[in-house]
Amino acid sequence: MELGLNNLKKTRGATSKKRRIGRGSGSGRGTYSGHGQKGQKARSGGRRGLKRKGLMNLLRNKPKIGGFSSGRPKLNTVNLAKLEAIFENGEEINSQKLLAKNIIKAVAPGLKILGEGTLTKKFTVVADAFSSSAKKAIIDAGGKAQIRIRK
């Protein structure tokens, strides 16, 4: 006999009989018919399903703590100590060169030079922003700190 949709049968024990509620006390599900005694849950239309609080609801209902989050992306930051270690004296440093040496992951958000570390080499640094200590250190070493003009 060929197997087809017309001759499929459910395996034994796959289905169970429907509970017939409210068919007299002899049925075992009579009298209160599984609703217990009195109260909202005993009344018709009294229960409104399970009210589950999922993780997303818990996170959504968390109180917000002051301030705001900016939509503007944060600039890539590089310290002077890293520039001192990687680049040669007299070199021009910009986002593309830092990207090529895997110091930053992307050019897009911009570049900010921070003043951590000492600088002895003379650099021309082109960036979107400088901390005041970084700018001072670059100029004191005899280099130039130029702000990149965005198009």
Protein backbone atom coordinates (compact mmCIF):
# COMPACT_ATOMS: atom_id res chain seq x y z
CA MET A 1 0.00 0.00 0.00
CA GLU A 2 1.36 3.36 -1.05
CA LEU A 3 1.71 6.07 1.60
CA GLY A 4 -0.27 9.24 0.90
CA LEU A 5 -2.14 12.04 2.65
CA ASN A 6 -5.40 10.09 2.31
CA ASN A 7 -4.20 7.12 4.37
CA LEU A 8 -2.10 8.74 7.13
CA LYS A 9 -3.06 7.92 10.70
CA LYS A 10 -1.97 9.52 13.96
CA THR A 11 0.30 7.39 16.14
CA ARG A 12 -1.22 5.82 19.22
CA GLY A 13 -1.24 8.25 22.18
CA ALA A 14 -0.70 11.32 19.98
CA THR A 15 -4.16 12.67 20.79
CA SER A 16 -6.18 12.64 23.99
CA LYS A 17 -9.94 12.90 24.47
CA LYS A 18 -11.43 16.36 24.85
CA ARG A 19 -12.49 17.20 28.40
CA ARG A 20 -16.25 17.60 28.55
CA ILE A 21 -16.83 20.18 31.22
CA GLY A 22 -20.16 20.93 32.88
CA ARG A 23 -21.90 17.63 32.11
CA GLY A 24 -23.07 16.71 35.60
CA SER A 25 -21.37 15.67 38.81
CA GLY A 26 -21.01 12.06 37.58
CA SER A 27 -18.58 13.18 34.90
CA GLY A 28 -16.05 14.39 37.46
CA ARG A 29 -16.17 17.89 35.92
CA GLY A 30 -19.59 19.03 36.99
CA THR A 31 -20.80 21.44 39.72
CA TYR A 32 -18.26 24.30 39.40
CA SER A 33 -16.88 22.98 36.10
CA GLY A 34 -13.23 23.66 36.93
CA HIS A 35 -13.83 27.30 37.95
CA GLY A 36 -13.78 26.87 41.72
CA GLN A 37 -16.08 28.90 43.93
CA LYS A 38 -17.15 32.51 43.35
CA GLY A 39 -14.89 35.39 42.38
CA GLN A 40 -13.88 37.00 39.10
CA LYS A 41 -12.35 33.83 37.68
CA ALA A 42 -15.57 31.90 38.27
CA ARG A 43 -17.64 34.34 36.24
CA SER A 44 -18.05 34.22 32.48
CA GLY A 45 -15.50 36.44 30.77
CA GLY A 46 -13.73 36.87 34.08
CA ARG A 47 -10.26 35.73 33.14
CA ARG A 48 -8.18 37.47 30.49
CA GLY A 49 -5.37 34.99 29.81
CA LEU A 50 -1.84 35.07 31.15
CA LYS A 51 -0.17 38.44 31.57
CA ARG A 52 3.45 37.61 30.98
CA LYS A 53 6.14 40.23 31.42
CA GLY A 54 8.75 39.46 28.83
CA LEU A 55 12.32 40.75 28.97
CA MET A 56 11.58 43.48 26.44
CA ASN A 57 8.73 44.82 28.59
CA LEU A 58 10.95 44.84 31.66
CA LEU A 59 13.62 46.79 29.80
CA ARG A 60 11.06 49.14 28.26
CA ASN A 61 9.59 49.98 31.68
CA LYS A 62 12.96 50.75 33.27
CA PRO A 63 13.15 54.35 34.45
CA LYS A 64 15.35 56.59 32.38
CA ILE A 65 18.13 58.22 34.36
CA GLY A 66 18.70 61.84 33.35
CA GLY A 67 20.40 63.31 30.30
CA PHE A 68 20.01 62.21 26.72
CA SER A 69 21.86 60.06 24.22
CA SER A 70 23.26 61.86 21.23
CA GLY A 71 22.66 60.59 17.71
CA ARG A 72 26.07 61.90 16.65
CA PRO A 73 28.76 59.18 16.53
CA LYS A 74 31.78 59.49 18.81
CA LEU A 75 35.09 60.39 17.19
CA ASN A 76 37.95 57.89 16.98
CA THR A 77 40.53 58.81 19.61
CA VAL A 78 44.30 58.37 19.40
CA ASN A 79 46.86 59.35 22.04
CA LEU A 80 50.17 61.09 21.35
CA ALA A 81 52.10 58.14 22.82
CA LYS A 82 50.79 55.88 20.03
CA LEU A 83 51.73 58.40 17.33
CA GLU A 84 55.22 58.72 18.85
CA ALA A 85 55.72 54.93 18.78
CA ILE A 86 54.45 54.24 15.25
CA PHE A 87 55.34 57.20 12.99
CA GLU A 88 58.72 58.62 11.92
CA ASN A 89 59.96 62.15 12.51
CA GLY A 90 58.60 64.76 10.07
CA GLU A 91 55.73 62.56 8.82
CA GLU A 92 52.22 63.85 8.05
CA ILE A 93 49.57 61.96 10.02
CA ASN A 94 45.92 61.73 8.95
CA SER A 95 42.93 59.36 9.22
CA GLN A 96 43.87 57.33 6.12
CA LYS A 97 47.38 56.58 7.44
CA LEU A 98 46.01 55.58 10.84
CA LEU A 99 43.49 53.30 9.13
CA ALA A 100 46.23 51.71 7.01
CA LYS A 101 48.22 50.92 10.19
CA ASN A 102 45.11 49.49 11.94
CA ILE A 103 45.10 52.10 14.70
CA ILE A 104 41.51 53.13 13.93
CA LYS A 105 38.72 50.96 12.49
CA ALA A 106 37.01 53.55 10.22
CA VAL A 107 37.58 57.04 8.86
CA ALA A 108 33.87 57.97 8.86
CA PRO A 109 33.11 59.28 12.38
CA GLY A 110 36.23 61.46 12.48
CA LEU A 111 39.46 61.64 14.47
CA LYS A 112 40.40 63.31 17.74
CA ILE A 113 43.97 63.46 19.05
CA LEU A 114 44.36 63.23 22.84
CA GLY A 115 47.36 64.40 24.86
CA GLU A 116 48.35 61.29 26.80
CA GLY A 117 52.07 60.59 26.55
CA THR A 118 55.07 62.72 25.58
CA LEU A 119 56.01 63.83 22.09
CA THR A 120 59.61 64.30 20.90
CA LYS A 121 59.14 63.91 17.14
CA LYS A 122 57.97 66.63 14.78
CA PHE A 123 54.63 65.77 13.15
CA THR A 124 52.04 67.46 10.96
CA VAL A 125 48.79 66.07 12.31
CA VAL A 126 45.51 66.54 10.40
CA ALA A 127 42.46 65.64 12.52
CA ASP A 128 38.86 66.70 13.20
CA ALA A 129 39.59 67.73 16.80
CA PHE A 130 42.47 68.06 19.27
CA SER A 131 42.50 68.18 23.05
CA SER A 132 44.18 71.34 24.32
CA SER A 133 47.09 69.35 25.83
CA ALA A 134 47.63 67.44 22.56
CA LYS A 135 47.66 70.62 20.49
CA LYS A 136 50.13 72.24 22.87
CA ALA A 137 52.43 69.16 22.85
CA ILE A 138 52.46 68.95 19.02
CA ILE A 139 53.29 72.65 18.64
CA ASP A 140 55.94 72.51 21.41
CA ALA A 141 57.65 69.61 19.57
CA GLY A 142 57.84 71.81 16.44
CA GLY A 143 54.95 70.21 14.52
CA LYS A 144 51.63 71.45 13.20
CA ALA A 145 48.13 70.63 14.39
CA GLN A 146 45.68 71.17 11.52
CA ILE A 147 41.92 70.76 11.74
CA ARG A 148 40.52 68.79 8.80
CA ILE A 149 37.97 70.65 6.72
CA ARG A 150 34.88 68.52 6.06
CA LYS A 151 33.14 68.71 2.70
